[in-house]
Amino acid sequence: MKKEKILLVAGCSHMAGSEIDGKEDSTFNRQHSFGALIAKHLGRKVIHVAQVGAANTGVARQVSHWFHHNYDPDTMNVNVIVGWTEPTRLEMPSTMERNYISASTHTDWYEKSSDYFYKVIIGWEGGDEEERDAIPALHRFMADHQPYLEYQSYNLVLQIQYLLQSKKIPYMMLNTMPFFLDDIQSIKNLIPLIDATKYYKLGDKDEAFFPKYKELGYVNEKAKYWHHGEDAHEQYAEELIHFNKVNKCLKR
């Protein structure tokens, strides 16, 4: 049986191509994101599971749950590209069910368990009573304990690395938003465990997608919430394709 060739794309709004066309989510955005451009280059069908506003815990869960619910090794030939976001985002378990798919209306598959958390992001004060009561203290925790959050993000990287390695799934990782701390000994102890041949510019905070192209002067006049346009996505896709030629992370 000929297997369907798939590139699974996971991450936050930057992976989803948010606001390329000015909308928070759309089919056009996802089709013109750098992940989709790489899928086209490889001759693979893109499956976008990136969610707007995702934390790194959510990014890891997108990959884990997609494989649990959907992966069939007999019919699918899957590669994965994972874009990690800033560590200073939290997800807190909640007894209340939320409706985050309303912000990710054009995802190809929605990781439903995301709805049983609430998100804590710097600058967001909350949308309901539970969030507004809890978020101020959590913002203080995030500001005071960034090393903890970064350490946990590196652990999530390893979690997904080992999951994909165990299934012999080709993959590539990158940062859409930077990890800042790599000079703390606890983090230094983890970094050598990460396969740098599969991780674009591991440890180089200046190479994360959003700040890199902002610094280079790319401007998306359509964006309200700090996302790049089609030109930055095209350029970054070229960089990652070159990285892939050298390291052979992803397969045709």
Protein backbone atom coordinates (compact mmCIF):
# COMPACT_ATOMS: atom_id res chain seq x y z
CA MET A 1 0.00 0.00 0.00
CA LYS A 2 1.29 3.46 -0.91
CA LYS A 3 1.44 5.59 2.21
CA GLU A 4 0.17 9.17 2.38
CA LYS A 5 3.06 11.60 2.81
CA ILE A 6 2.29 14.10 5.58
CA LEU A 7 4.11 16.99 7.23
CA LEU A 8 2.58 17.66 10.65
CA VAL A 9 3.04 21.33 11.67
CA ALA A 10 2.72 22.16 15.37
CA GLY A 11 3.19 25.38 17.32
CA CYS A 12 1.56 28.69 18.16
CA SER A 13 0.17 31.47 15.98
CA HIS A 14 3.52 32.08 14.29
CA MET A 15 3.46 28.52 12.95
CA ALA A 16 -0.15 29.01 11.85
CA GLY A 17 0.82 32.06 9.77
CA SER A 18 -1.47 34.30 11.79
CA GLU A 19 -2.20 37.69 10.22
CA ILE A 20 -0.43 37.09 6.92
CA ASP A 21 -3.71 38.27 5.42
CA GLY A 22 -4.68 40.38 8.45
CA LYS A 23 -6.92 37.70 9.98
CA GLU A 24 -5.99 35.86 13.15
CA ASP A 25 -6.58 32.54 11.40
CA SER A 26 -7.47 31.56 7.86
CA THR A 27 -6.84 28.89 5.25
CA PHE A 28 -4.73 31.41 3.30
CA ASN A 29 -2.54 32.08 6.34
CA ARG A 30 -1.88 28.43 7.00
CA GLN A 31 -1.23 27.64 3.34
CA HIS A 32 1.33 30.48 3.14
CA SER A 33 3.06 29.82 6.45
CA PHE A 34 6.64 28.63 6.30
CA GLY A 35 5.59 25.16 7.48
CA ALA A 36 3.23 24.77 4.54
CA LEU A 37 5.88 26.07 2.14
CA ILE A 38 8.29 23.42 3.41
CA ALA A 39 5.61 20.75 2.98
CA LYS A 40 5.15 21.87 -0.62
CA HIS A 41 8.90 21.72 -1.20
CA LEU A 42 8.98 18.17 0.15
CA GLY A 43 5.93 17.05 -1.81
CA ARG A 44 3.99 16.36 1.38
CA LYS A 45 0.46 17.11 2.49
CA VAL A 46 0.53 19.63 5.32
CA ILE A 47 -1.55 18.95 8.42
CA HIS A 48 -1.65 22.09 10.53
CA VAL A 49 -2.34 21.52 14.23
CA ALA A 50 -0.81 24.81 15.44
CA GLN A 51 -3.07 26.79 17.76
CA VAL A 52 -3.24 30.55 18.22
CA GLY A 53 -2.00 31.45 21.70
CA ALA A 54 -0.47 28.05 22.43
CA ALA A 55 2.06 27.66 25.23
CA ASN A 56 4.87 25.15 24.93
CA THR A 57 2.89 22.66 26.99
CA GLY A 58 0.14 22.97 24.39
CA VAL A 59 2.60 22.60 21.51
CA ALA A 60 3.89 19.35 23.00
CA ARG A 61 0.33 18.16 23.54
CA GLN A 62 -0.61 18.87 19.91
CA VAL A 63 2.06 16.45 18.74
CA SER A 64 1.47 13.80 21.39
CA HIS A 65 -2.30 13.73 21.00
CA TRP A 66 -2.25 13.84 17.21
CA PHE A 67 -0.12 10.71 17.15
CA HIS A 68 -2.30 9.05 19.79
CA HIS A 69 -5.57 9.77 17.99
CA ASN A 70 -4.61 9.77 14.31
CA TYR A 71 -1.33 8.11 13.45
CA ASP A 72 -1.48 4.91 11.42
CA PRO A 73 1.99 3.68 10.48
CA ASP A 74 0.48 1.32 7.90
CA THR A 75 -1.08 4.13 5.85
CA MET A 76 0.92 7.25 6.78
CA ASN A 77 4.45 8.42 6.13
CA VAL A 78 4.74 11.31 8.61
CA ASN A 79 7.35 13.98 9.17
CA VAL A 80 6.96 16.65 11.86
CA ILE A 81 8.03 20.28 12.22
CA VAL A 82 7.64 21.83 15.68
CA GLY A 83 7.93 25.56 16.43
CA TRP A 84 8.44 26.31 20.11
CA THR A 85 7.15 29.59 21.50
CA GLU A 86 8.29 31.77 24.41
CA PRO A 87 8.63 29.90 27.72
CA THR A 88 6.84 32.69 29.61
CA ARG A 89 3.42 31.30 28.77
CA LEU A 90 1.49 29.03 31.08
CA GLU A 91 -1.51 26.73 30.83
CA MET A 92 -3.36 26.09 34.07
CA PRO A 93 -5.73 23.10 34.41
CA SER A 94 -9.32 24.16 34.92
CA THR A 95 -12.64 22.50 35.70
CA MET A 96 -14.25 24.92 33.24
CA GLU A 97 -14.35 23.98 29.56
CA ARG A 98 -13.28 26.76 27.22
CA ASN A 99 -13.62 27.19 23.46
CA TYR A 100 -10.16 27.95 22.13
CA ILE A 101 -11.00 26.59 18.70
CA SER A 102 -12.78 29.91 18.14
CA ALA A 103 -9.29 31.44 17.75
CA SER A 104 -7.99 28.56 15.60
CA THR A 105 -10.87 28.10 13.21
CA HIS A 106 -8.81 26.76 10.31
CA THR A 107 -6.69 24.16 12.05
CA ASP A 108 -6.66 20.81 10.24
CA TRP A 109 -7.05 18.95 13.52
CA TYR A 110 -7.91 20.46 16.89
CA GLU A 111 -6.34 19.18 20.09
CA LYS A 112 -9.51 19.22 22.17
CA SER A 113 -7.94 18.81 25.61
CA SER A 114 -6.60 22.36 25.26
CA ASP A 115 -10.08 23.50 26.26
CA TYR A 116 -9.58 22.25 29.83
CA PHE A 117 -6.88 24.79 30.65
CA TYR A 118 -6.73 28.55 30.82
CA LYS A 119 -3.85 30.42 29.24
CA VAL A 120 -1.57 32.84 31.05
CA ILE A 121 0.33 35.16 28.71
CA ILE A 122 2.10 38.41 29.57
CA GLY A 123 -0.26 41.27 28.69
CA TRP A 124 -3.44 39.16 28.96
CA GLU A 125 -5.52 39.94 32.05
CA GLY A 126 -8.07 37.18 31.57
CA GLY A 127 -11.46 36.76 29.97
CA ASP A 128 -13.52 35.31 32.83
CA GLU A 129 -13.67 35.44 36.62
CA GLU A 130 -11.42 32.42 37.20
CA GLU A 131 -8.73 33.87 34.96
CA ARG A 132 -8.95 37.41 36.30
CA ASP A 133 -8.64 36.14 39.88
CA ALA A 134 -5.64 33.88 39.22
CA ILE A 135 -3.63 35.59 36.49
CA PRO A 136 -2.06 38.50 38.47
CA ALA A 137 -0.29 36.08 40.85
CA LEU A 138 0.74 33.86 37.94
CA HIS A 139 2.16 36.86 36.08
CA ARG A 140 4.29 37.57 39.15
CA PHE A 141 5.41 33.95 39.23
CA MET A 142 6.35 34.09 35.54
CA ALA A 143 8.35 37.28 36.05
CA ASP A 144 10.12 35.95 39.14
CA HIS A 145 10.82 32.42 37.93
CA GLN A 146 11.81 32.57 34.28
CA PRO A 147 14.61 29.98 34.76
CA TYR A 148 12.00 27.44 35.91
CA LEU A 149 9.81 28.11 32.88
CA GLU A 150 12.73 27.83 30.47
CA TYR A 151 13.93 24.61 32.11
CA GLN A 152 10.46 23.13 31.69
CA SER A 153 10.38 24.18 28.02
CA TYR A 154 13.64 22.34 27.37
CA ASN A 155 12.11 19.30 29.06
CA LEU A 156 9.16 19.54 26.65
CA VAL A 157 11.58 19.65 23.74
CA LEU A 158 13.14 16.43 24.98
CA GLN A 159 9.72 14.86 25.55
CA ILE A 160 8.76 15.35 21.92
CA GLN A 161 12.23 14.48 20.64
CA TYR A 162 12.11 11.13 22.42
CA LEU A 163 8.52 10.48 21.32
CA LEU A 164 9.38 11.03 17.66
CA GLN A 165 12.64 9.09 17.91
CA SER A 166 10.79 6.16 19.46
CA LYS A 167 8.45 6.08 16.45
CA LYS A 168 11.31 6.67 13.99
CA ILE A 169 9.59 9.83 12.75
CA PRO A 170 11.78 12.38 10.91
CA TYR A 171 11.40 15.81 12.47
CA MET A 172 12.71 19.35 12.69
CA MET A 173 12.41 21.79 15.59
CA LEU A 174 12.89 25.56 15.77
CA ASN A 175 12.00 28.60 17.85
CA THR A 176 9.36 31.02 16.67
CA MET A 177 9.92 32.98 19.89
CA PRO A 178 13.21 32.88 21.80
CA PHE A 179 14.42 30.93 24.79
CA PHE A 180 16.67 33.42 26.59
CA LEU A 181 18.52 31.48 29.26
CA ASP A 182 21.28 29.04 28.40
CA ASP A 183 23.87 30.02 31.01
CA ILE A 184 22.14 28.44 34.02
CA GLN A 185 23.73 25.14 35.00
CA SER A 186 20.47 23.20 35.23
CA ILE A 187 19.68 24.20 31.65
CA LYS A 188 23.26 23.62 30.51
CA ASN A 189 22.85 20.04 31.72
CA LEU A 190 19.83 19.50 29.44
CA ILE A 191 20.97 21.13 26.22
CA PRO A 192 23.49 18.40 25.26
CA LEU A 193 20.62 15.90 25.28
CA ILE A 194 18.88 17.78 22.45
CA ASP A 195 19.79 16.70 18.93
CA ALA A 196 21.10 19.94 17.42
CA THR A 197 21.10 18.42 13.93
CA LYS A 198 17.30 18.42 14.12
CA TYR A 199 16.90 21.81 15.83
CA TYR A 200 17.47 24.97 13.80
CA LYS A 201 19.94 27.31 15.53
CA LEU A 202 19.53 25.63 18.92
CA GLY A 203 20.35 28.08 21.70
CA ASP A 204 20.61 31.14 19.45
CA LYS A 205 17.90 33.49 20.66
CA ASP A 206 18.57 35.94 17.84
CA GLU A 207 17.50 33.33 15.27
CA ALA A 208 13.96 32.81 16.56
CA PHE A 209 11.50 33.55 13.74
CA PHE A 210 9.57 36.54 15.07
CA PRO A 211 12.35 38.68 16.62
CA LYS A 212 14.82 37.84 13.84
CA TYR A 213 12.68 39.23 11.04
CA LYS A 214 11.47 42.12 13.17
CA GLU A 215 15.11 43.10 13.70
CA LEU A 216 15.74 42.74 9.96
CA GLY A 217 13.03 45.32 9.30
CA TYR A 218 10.20 43.14 8.02
CA VAL A 219 6.85 44.83 8.61
CA ASN A 220 3.38 43.37 8.20
CA GLU A 221 1.05 46.34 7.81
CA LYS A 222 -1.97 44.02 8.11
CA ALA A 223 -1.04 42.74 11.57
CA LYS A 224 -2.49 43.98 14.84
CA TYR A 225 -0.85 41.39 17.11
CA TRP A 226 2.83 41.18 16.17
CA HIS A 227 2.91 38.61 13.38
CA HIS A 228 4.94 38.55 10.19
CA GLY A 229 3.69 38.69 6.64
CA GLU A 230 4.16 36.42 3.67
CA ASP A 231 7.63 37.73 2.81
CA ALA A 232 9.14 36.74 6.17
CA HIS A 233 7.52 33.29 5.97
CA GLU A 234 8.98 32.75 2.50
CA GLN A 235 12.45 33.79 3.62
CA TYR A 236 12.37 31.62 6.73
CA ALA A 237 11.17 28.64 4.70
CA GLU A 238 14.25 29.04 2.50
CA GLU A 239 16.51 29.07 5.56
CA LEU A 240 14.93 25.92 6.95
CA ILE A 241 15.05 24.16 3.58
CA HIS A 242 18.78 24.88 3.44
CA PHE A 243 19.20 23.57 7.01
CA ASN A 244 17.33 20.45 5.98
CA LYS A 245 19.58 19.90 2.95
CA VAL A 246 22.59 19.88 5.26
CA ASN A 247 21.12 17.87 8.14
CA LYS A 248 18.48 15.77 6.35
CA CYS A 249 15.94 16.13 9.16
CA LEU A 250 12.85 15.85 6.94
CA LYS A 251 12.32 13.45 4.03
CA ARG A 252 10.67 13.79 0.67
